[in-house]
Amino acid sequence: MGARRSAALRATGAAAVVCAIDQAVKVLVRGQLAVGEVHDLPGPLSIVSVRNDGVAFGAFAGAGLLLVAVVGLALAVLLVV
């Protein structure tokens, strides 16, 4: 196995771990905190329960199928190019 492939596997593994932690925190927050509720963590950190039905920072909220179509098209272009 080459060094480049090994690095790609480590990066993929790290990304998978980060995604798993992210999803676990989301499940905990949805199950334990009401919308708008704040839970202070040690130091300057806190967890706030919010809902976002758009993309980054709520952009295109409510776009529904149009957003899915645009994202799908963008992904298709990236895969082809």
PDB file of N, CA and C in Angstrom:
ATOM      1  N   MET A   1       0.863  -1.177   0.000  1.00  0.00           N
ATOM      2  CA  MET A   1       0.000   0.000   0.000  1.00  0.00           C
ATOM      3  C   MET A   1       0.904   1.233   0.000  1.00  0.00           C
ATOM      4  N   GLY A   2       0.647   2.142  -0.913  1.00  0.00           N
ATOM      5  CA  GLY A   2       1.453   3.334  -1.033  1.00  0.00           C
ATOM      6  C   GLY A   2       1.147   4.347   0.072  1.00  0.00           C
ATOM      7  N   ALA A   3       2.068   5.276   0.226  1.00  0.00           N
ATOM      8  CA  ALA A   3       1.914   6.306   1.258  1.00  0.00           C
ATOM      9  C   ALA A   3       0.686   7.171   0.994  1.00  0.00           C
ATOM     10  N   ARG A   4       0.433   7.459  -0.268  1.00  0.00           N
ATOM     11  CA  ARG A   4      -0.717   8.300  -0.607  1.00  0.00           C
ATOM     12  C   ARG A   4      -2.036   7.596  -0.262  1.00  0.00           C
ATOM     13  N   ARG A   5      -2.109   6.318  -0.574  1.00  0.00           N
ATOM     14  CA  ARG A   5      -3.322   5.557  -0.260  1.00  0.00           C
ATOM     15  C   ARG A   5      -3.509   5.431   1.254  1.00  0.00           C
ATOM     16  N   SER A   6      -2.425   5.212   1.961  1.00  0.00           N
ATOM     17  CA  SER A   6      -2.489   5.118   3.419  1.00  0.00           C
ATOM     18  C   SER A   6      -2.973   6.434   4.035  1.00  0.00           C
ATOM     19  N   ALA A   7      -2.485   7.536   3.524  1.00  0.00           N
ATOM     20  CA  ALA A   7      -2.916   8.847   4.028  1.00  0.00           C
ATOM     21  C   ALA A   7      -4.395   9.069   3.726  1.00  0.00           C
ATOM     22  N   ALA A   8      -4.832   8.644   2.547  1.00  0.00           N
ATOM     23  CA  ALA A   8      -6.241   8.798   2.185  1.00  0.00           C
ATOM     24  C   ALA A   8      -7.128   7.954   3.091  1.00  0.00           C
ATOM     25  N   LEU A   9      -6.685   6.758   3.431  1.00  0.00           N
ATOM     26  CA  LEU A   9      -7.456   5.905   4.333  1.00  0.00           C
ATOM     27  C   LEU A   9      -7.530   6.503   5.737  1.00  0.00           C
ATOM     28  N   ARG A  10      -6.419   7.065   6.227  1.00  0.00           N
ATOM     29  CA  ARG A  10      -6.430   7.714   7.543  1.00  0.00           C
ATOM     30  C   ARG A  10      -7.354   8.924   7.539  1.00  0.00           C
ATOM     31  N   ALA A  11      -7.316   9.712   6.481  1.00  0.00           N
ATOM     32  CA  ALA A  11      -8.182  10.890   6.384  1.00  0.00           C
ATOM     33  C   ALA A  11      -9.651  10.474   6.320  1.00  0.00           C
ATOM     34  N   THR A  12      -9.946   9.427   5.578  1.00  0.00           N
ATOM     35  CA  THR A  12     -11.316   8.933   5.485  1.00  0.00           C
ATOM     36  C   THR A  12     -11.792   8.413   6.833  1.00  0.00           C
ATOM     37  N   GLY A  13     -10.929   7.705   7.539  1.00  0.00           N
ATOM     38  CA  GLY A  13     -11.269   7.215   8.871  1.00  0.00           C
ATOM     39  C   GLY A  13     -11.524   8.348   9.840  1.00  0.00           C
ATOM     40  N   ALA A  14     -10.674   9.371   9.798  1.00  0.00           N
ATOM     41  CA  ALA A  14     -10.862  10.527  10.680  1.00  0.00           C
ATOM     42  C   ALA A  14     -12.171  11.241  10.361  1.00  0.00           C
ATOM     43  N   ALA A  15     -12.474  11.385   9.082  1.00  0.00           N
ATOM     44  CA  ALA A  15     -13.734  12.028   8.687  1.00  0.00           C
ATOM     45  C   ALA A  15     -14.931  11.210   9.161  1.00  0.00           C
ATOM     46  N   ALA A  16     -14.837   9.897   9.084  1.00  0.00           N
ATOM     47  CA  ALA A  16     -15.931   9.037   9.536  1.00  0.00           C
ATOM     48  C   ALA A  16     -16.146   9.174  11.042  1.00  0.00           C
ATOM     49  N   VAL A  17     -15.063   9.259  11.803  1.00  0.00           N
ATOM     50  CA  VAL A  17     -15.169   9.426  13.256  1.00  0.00           C
ATOM     51  C   VAL A  17     -15.814  10.769  13.585  1.00  0.00           C
ATOM     52  N   VAL A  18     -15.374  11.822  12.921  1.00  0.00           N
ATOM     53  CA  VAL A  18     -15.945  13.157  13.163  1.00  0.00           C
ATOM     54  C   VAL A  18     -17.431  13.165  12.825  1.00  0.00           C
ATOM     55  N   CYS A  19     -17.815  12.561  11.695  1.00  0.00           N
ATOM     56  CA  CYS A  19     -19.237  12.502  11.316  1.00  0.00           C
ATOM     57  C   CYS A  19     -20.050  11.719  12.337  1.00  0.00           C
ATOM     58  N   ALA A  20     -19.497  10.609  12.843  1.00  0.00           N
ATOM     59  CA  ALA A  20     -20.202   9.812  13.843  1.00  0.00           C
ATOM     60  C   ALA A  20     -20.406  10.604  15.130  1.00  0.00           C
ATOM     61  N   ILE A  21     -19.383  11.310  15.576  1.00  0.00           N
ATOM     62  CA  ILE A  21     -19.507  12.141  16.784  1.00  0.00           C
ATOM     63  C   ILE A  21     -20.540  13.238  16.562  1.00  0.00           C
ATOM     64  N   ASP A  22     -20.502  13.878  15.398  1.00  0.00           N
ATOM     65  CA  ASP A  22     -21.461  14.934  15.067  1.00  0.00           C
ATOM     66  C   ASP A  22     -22.893  14.415  15.138  1.00  0.00           C
ATOM     67  N   GLN A  23     -23.143  13.261  14.542  1.00  0.00           N
ATOM     68  CA  GLN A  23     -24.489  12.697  14.539  1.00  0.00           C
ATOM     69  C   GLN A  23     -24.924  12.289  15.946  1.00  0.00           C
ATOM     70  N   ALA A  24     -24.000  11.760  16.746  1.00  0.00           N
ATOM     71  CA  ALA A  24     -24.328  11.377  18.127  1.00  0.00           C
ATOM     72  C   ALA A  24     -24.711  12.603  18.955  1.00  0.00           C
ATOM     73  N   VAL A  25     -23.972  13.697  18.790  1.00  0.00           N
ATOM     74  CA  VAL A  25     -24.296  14.928  19.521  1.00  0.00           C
ATOM     75  C   VAL A  25     -25.663  15.450  19.090  1.00  0.00           C
ATOM     76  N   LYS A  26     -25.963  15.388  17.798  1.00  0.00           N
ATOM     77  CA  LYS A  26     -27.266  15.847  17.315  1.00  0.00           C
ATOM     78  C   LYS A  26     -28.402  15.031  17.920  1.00  0.00           C
ATOM     79  N   VAL A  27     -28.220  13.717  18.007  1.00  0.00           N
ATOM     80  CA  VAL A  27     -29.251  12.862  18.609  1.00  0.00           C
ATOM     81  C   VAL A  27     -29.442  13.239  20.073  1.00  0.00           C
ATOM     82  N   LEU A  28     -28.342  13.434  20.797  1.00  0.00           N
ATOM     83  CA  LEU A  28     -28.436  13.814  22.211  1.00  0.00           C
ATOM     84  C   LEU A  28     -29.129  15.158  22.393  1.00  0.00           C
ATOM     85  N   VAL A  29     -28.765  16.134  21.575  1.00  0.00           N
ATOM     86  CA  VAL A  29     -29.358  17.470  21.698  1.00  0.00           C
ATOM     87  C   VAL A  29     -30.851  17.411  21.392  1.00  0.00           C
ATOM     88  N   ARG A  30     -31.238  16.753  20.314  1.00  0.00           N
ATOM     89  CA  ARG A  30     -32.673  16.669  19.978  1.00  0.00           C
ATOM     90  C   ARG A  30     -33.472  15.956  21.054  1.00  0.00           C
ATOM     91  N   GLY A  31     -32.853  14.969  21.714  1.00  0.00           N
ATOM     92  CA  GLY A  31     -33.554  14.210  22.733  1.00  0.00           C
ATOM     93  C   GLY A  31     -33.581  14.868  24.106  1.00  0.00           C
ATOM     94  N   GLN A  32     -32.625  15.762  24.376  1.00  0.00           N
ATOM     95  CA  GLN A  32     -32.480  16.304  25.723  1.00  0.00           C
ATOM     96  C   GLN A  32     -32.799  17.792  25.860  1.00  0.00           C
ATOM     97  N   LEU A  33     -32.696  18.555  24.790  1.00  0.00           N
ATOM     98  CA  LEU A  33     -32.877  20.003  24.880  1.00  0.00           C
ATOM     99  C   LEU A  33     -34.059  20.462  24.032  1.00  0.00           C
ATOM    100  N   ALA A  34     -34.843  21.370  24.574  1.00  0.00           N
ATOM    101  CA  ALA A  34     -35.918  21.999  23.804  1.00  0.00           C
ATOM    102  C   ALA A  34     -35.304  23.039  22.876  1.00  0.00           C
ATOM    103  N   VAL A  35     -36.020  23.381  21.810  1.00  0.00           N
ATOM    104  CA  VAL A  35     -35.522  24.399  20.884  1.00  0.00           C
ATOM    105  C   VAL A  35     -35.287  25.701  21.645  1.00  0.00           C
ATOM    106  N   GLY A  36     -34.095  26.265  21.477  1.00  0.00           N
ATOM    107  CA  GLY A  36     -33.726  27.507  22.151  1.00  0.00           C
ATOM    108  C   GLY A  36     -33.061  27.302  23.502  1.00  0.00           C
ATOM    109  N   GLU A  37     -33.100  26.088  24.021  1.00  0.00           N
ATOM    110  CA  GLU A  37     -32.482  25.802  25.315  1.00  0.00           C
ATOM    111  C   GLU A  37     -30.956  25.770  25.173  1.00  0.00           C
ATOM    112  N   VAL A  38     -30.261  26.265  26.212  1.00  0.00           N
ATOM    113  CA  VAL A  38     -28.803  26.361  26.205  1.00  0.00           C
ATOM    114  C   VAL A  38     -28.238  25.472  27.310  1.00  0.00           C
ATOM    115  N   HIS A  39     -27.191  24.740  26.980  1.00  0.00           N
ATOM    116  CA  HIS A  39     -26.479  23.930  27.973  1.00  0.00           C
ATOM    117  C   HIS A  39     -25.028  24.390  27.975  1.00  0.00           C
ATOM    118  N   ASP A  40     -24.581  24.966  29.090  1.00  0.00           N
ATOM    119  CA  ASP A  40     -23.206  25.459  29.188  1.00  0.00           C
ATOM    120  C   ASP A  40     -22.229  24.304  29.385  1.00  0.00           C
ATOM    121  N   LEU A  41     -21.118  24.371  28.688  1.00  0.00           N
ATOM    122  CA  LEU A  41     -20.039  23.411  28.806  1.00  0.00           C
ATOM    123  C   LEU A  41     -18.871  24.086  29.523  1.00  0.00           C
ATOM    124  N   PRO A  42     -17.880  23.318  29.947  1.00  0.00           N
ATOM    125  CA  PRO A  42     -16.714  23.953  30.588  1.00  0.00           C
ATOM    126  C   PRO A  42     -16.047  24.967  29.666  1.00  0.00           C
ATOM    127  N   GLY A  43     -15.558  26.040  30.251  1.00  0.00           N
ATOM    128  CA  GLY A  43     -14.884  27.078  29.465  1.00  0.00           C
ATOM    129  C   GLY A  43     -15.895  27.949  28.741  1.00  0.00           C
ATOM    130  N   PRO A  44     -15.510  28.456  27.580  1.00  0.00           N
ATOM    131  CA  PRO A  44     -16.384  29.396  26.860  1.00  0.00           C
ATOM    132  C   PRO A  44     -17.402  28.714  25.943  1.00  0.00           C
ATOM    133  N   LEU A  45     -17.555  27.416  26.040  1.00  0.00           N
ATOM    134  CA  LEU A  45     -18.417  26.675  25.112  1.00  0.00           C
ATOM    135  C   LEU A  45     -19.814  26.453  25.671  1.00  0.00           C
ATOM    136  N   SER A  46     -20.770  26.335  24.767  1.00  0.00           N
ATOM    137  CA  SER A  46     -22.134  25.971  25.141  1.00  0.00           C
ATOM    138  C   SER A  46     -22.793  25.289  23.947  1.00  0.00           C
ATOM    139  N   ILE A  47     -23.841  24.531  24.240  1.00  0.00           N
ATOM    140  CA  ILE A  47     -24.630  23.876  23.192  1.00  0.00           C
ATOM    141  C   ILE A  47     -26.007  24.522  23.215  1.00  0.00           C
ATOM    142  N   VAL A  48     -26.467  24.987  22.053  1.00  0.00           N
ATOM    143  CA  VAL A  48     -27.778  25.612  21.927  1.00  0.00           C
ATOM    144  C   VAL A  48     -28.584  24.779  20.941  1.00  0.00           C
ATOM    145  N   SER A  49     -29.800  24.433  21.312  1.00  0.00           N
ATOM    146  CA  SER A  49     -30.655  23.654  20.434  1.00  0.00           C
ATOM    147  C   SER A  49     -31.376  24.577  19.463  1.00  0.00           C
ATOM    148  N   VAL A  50     -31.078  24.421  18.175  1.00  0.00           N
ATOM    149  CA  VAL A  50     -31.730  25.198  17.117  1.00  0.00           C
ATOM    150  C   VAL A  50     -32.145  24.242  16.003  1.00  0.00           C
ATOM    151  N   ARG A  51     -33.023  24.667  15.149  1.00  0.00           N
ATOM    152  CA  ARG A  51     -33.422  23.884  13.979  1.00  0.00           C
ATOM    153  C   ARG A  51     -33.114  24.699  12.737  1.00  0.00           C
ATOM    154  N   ASN A  52     -32.589  24.039  11.719  1.00  0.00           N
ATOM    155  CA  ASN A  52     -32.220  24.686  10.476  1.00  0.00           C
ATOM    156  C   ASN A  52     -32.755  23.829   9.335  1.00  0.00           C
ATOM    157  N   ASP A  53     -33.745  24.311   8.623  1.00  0.00           N
ATOM    158  CA  ASP A  53     -34.284  23.523   7.518  1.00  0.00           C
ATOM    159  C   ASP A  53     -33.717  23.953   6.172  1.00  0.00           C
ATOM    160  N   GLY A  54     -32.685  24.769   6.203  1.00  0.00           N
ATOM    161  CA  GLY A  54     -32.022  25.191   4.975  1.00  0.00           C
ATOM    162  C   GLY A  54     -30.656  24.538   4.872  1.00  0.00           C
ATOM    163  N   VAL A  55     -29.745  25.222   4.202  1.00  0.00           N
ATOM    164  CA  VAL A  55     -28.357  24.758   4.124  1.00  0.00           C
ATOM    165  C   VAL A  55     -27.545  25.629   5.074  1.00  0.00           C
ATOM    166  N   ALA A  56     -26.318  25.868   4.791  1.00  0.00           N
ATOM    167  CA  ALA A  56     -25.430  26.602   5.693  1.00  0.00           C
ATOM    168  C   ALA A  56     -26.078  27.893   6.196  1.00  0.00           C
ATOM    169  N   PHE A  57     -26.159  28.001   7.511  1.00  0.00           N
ATOM    170  CA  PHE A  57     -26.687  29.181   8.194  1.00  0.00           C
ATOM    171  C   PHE A  57     -28.126  29.512   7.799  1.00  0.00           C
ATOM    172  N   GLY A  58     -28.889  28.497   7.406  1.00  0.00           N
ATOM    173  CA  GLY A  58     -30.299  28.683   7.095  1.00  0.00           C
ATOM    174  C   GLY A  58     -30.583  29.224   5.710  1.00  0.00           C
ATOM    175  N   ALA A  59     -29.556  29.351   4.888  1.00  0.00           N
ATOM    176  CA  ALA A  59     -29.784  29.849   3.528  1.00  0.00           C
ATOM    177  C   ALA A  59     -30.715  28.905   2.771  1.00  0.00           C
ATOM    178  N   PHE A  60     -31.573  29.440   1.977  1.00  0.00           N
ATOM    179  CA  PHE A  60     -32.520  28.704   1.142  1.00  0.00           C
ATOM    180  C   PHE A  60     -33.511  27.876   1.959  1.00  0.00           C
ATOM    181  N   ALA A  61     -33.832  28.325   3.159  1.00  0.00           N
ATOM    182  CA  ALA A  61     -34.799  27.611   3.992  1.00  0.00           C
ATOM    183  C   ALA A  61     -36.119  27.482   3.246  1.00  0.00           C
ATOM    184  N   GLY A  62     -36.687  26.301   3.273  1.00  0.00           N
ATOM    185  CA  GLY A  62     -37.963  26.066   2.629  1.00  0.00           C
ATOM    186  C   GLY A  62     -37.872  25.826   1.130  1.00  0.00           C
ATOM    187  N   ALA A  63     -36.658  25.746   0.577  1.00  0.00           N
ATOM    188  CA  ALA A  63     -36.502  25.557  -0.869  1.00  0.00           C
ATOM    189  C   ALA A  63     -36.929  24.151  -1.301  1.00  0.00           C
ATOM    190  N   GLY A  64     -36.858  23.179  -0.412  1.00  0.00           N
ATOM    191  CA  GLY A  64     -37.346  21.830  -0.677  1.00  0.00           C
ATOM    192  C   GLY A  64     -36.717  21.170  -1.878  1.00  0.00           C
ATOM    193  N   LEU A  65     -37.562  20.715  -2.799  1.00  0.00           N
ATOM    194  CA  LEU A  65     -37.087  19.947  -3.944  1.00  0.00           C
ATOM    195  C   LEU A  65     -36.183  20.745  -4.872  1.00  0.00           C
ATOM    196  N   LEU A  66     -36.391  22.041  -4.951  1.00  0.00           N
ATOM    197  CA  LEU A  66     -35.506  22.868  -5.781  1.00  0.00           C
ATOM    198  C   LEU A  66     -34.080  22.783  -5.258  1.00  0.00           C
ATOM    199  N   LEU A  67     -33.917  22.878  -3.943  1.00  0.00           N
ATOM    200  CA  LEU A  67     -32.583  22.793  -3.340  1.00  0.00           C
ATOM    201  C   LEU A  67     -31.972  21.420  -3.593  1.00  0.00           C
ATOM    202  N   VAL A  68     -32.751  20.365  -3.442  1.00  0.00           N
ATOM    203  CA  VAL A  68     -32.253  19.009  -3.691  1.00  0.00           C
ATOM    204  C   VAL A  68     -31.789  18.891  -5.140  1.00  0.00           C
ATOM    205  N   ALA A  69     -32.554  19.430  -6.074  1.00  0.00           N
ATOM    206  CA  ALA A  69     -32.194  19.362  -7.492  1.00  0.00           C
ATOM    207  C   ALA A  69     -30.904  20.126  -7.779  1.00  0.00           C
ATOM    208  N   VAL A  70     -30.764  21.315  -7.214  1.00  0.00           N
ATOM    209  CA  VAL A  70     -29.556  22.125  -7.449  1.00  0.00           C
ATOM    210  C   VAL A  70     -28.333  21.434  -6.864  1.00  0.00           C
ATOM    211  N   VAL A  71     -28.452  20.913  -5.655  1.00  0.00           N
ATOM    212  CA  VAL A  71     -27.323  20.213  -5.028  1.00  0.00           C
ATOM    213  C   VAL A  71     -26.977  18.958  -5.815  1.00  0.00           C
ATOM    214  N   GLY A  72     -27.981  18.208  -6.252  1.00  0.00           N
ATOM    215  CA  GLY A  72     -27.733  17.012  -7.046  1.00  0.00           C
ATOM    216  C   GLY A  72     -27.029  17.334  -8.354  1.00  0.00           C
ATOM    217  N   LEU A  73     -27.439  18.397  -8.995  1.00  0.00           N
ATOM    218  CA  LEU A  73     -26.796  18.822 -10.241  1.00  0.00           C
ATOM    219  C   LEU A  73     -25.347  19.228  -9.989  1.00  0.00           C
ATOM    220  N   ALA A  74     -25.108  19.981  -8.923  1.00  0.00           N
ATOM    221  CA  ALA A  74     -23.751  20.396  -8.588  1.00  0.00           C
ATOM    222  C   ALA A  74     -22.867  19.188  -8.321  1.00  0.00           C
ATOM    223  N   LEU A  75     -23.376  18.208  -7.597  1.00  0.00           N
ATOM    224  CA  LEU A  75     -22.595  17.001  -7.321  1.00  0.00           C
ATOM    225  C   LEU A  75     -22.301  16.225  -8.590  1.00  0.00           C
ATOM    226  N   ALA A  76     -23.279  16.142  -9.479  1.00  0.00           N
ATOM    227  CA  ALA A  76     -23.078  15.452 -10.749  1.00  0.00           C
ATOM    228  C   ALA A  76     -21.986  16.132 -11.565  1.00  0.00           C
ATOM    229  N   VAL A  77     -21.994  17.443 -11.596  1.00  0.00           N
ATOM    230  CA  VAL A  77     -20.952  18.191 -12.329  1.00  0.00           C
ATOM    231  C   VAL A  77     -19.584  17.914 -11.722  1.00  0.00           C
ATOM    232  N   LEU A  78     -19.503  17.923 -10.384  1.00  0.00           N
ATOM    233  CA  LEU A  78     -18.216  17.670  -9.730  1.00  0.00           C
ATOM    234  C   LEU A  78     -17.706  16.262 -10.022  1.00  0.00           C
ATOM    235  N   LEU A  79     -18.603  15.295 -10.084  1.00  0.00           N
ATOM    236  CA  LEU A  79     -18.182  13.922 -10.336  1.00  0.00           C
ATOM    237  C   LEU A  79     -17.730  13.726 -11.773  1.00  0.00           C
ATOM    238  N   VAL A  80     -18.301  14.465 -12.702  1.00  0.00           N
ATOM    239  CA  VAL A  80     -17.963  14.315 -14.111  1.00  0.00           C
ATOM    240  C   VAL A  80     -16.682  15.064 -14.466  1.00  0.00           C
ATOM    241  N   VAL A  81     -16.498  16.221 -13.873  1.00  0.00           N
ATOM    242  CA  VAL A  81     -15.351  17.071 -14.232  1.00  0.00           C
ATOM    243  C   VAL A  81     -14.099  16.574 -13.640  1.00  0.00           C
TER     244      VAL A  81
END
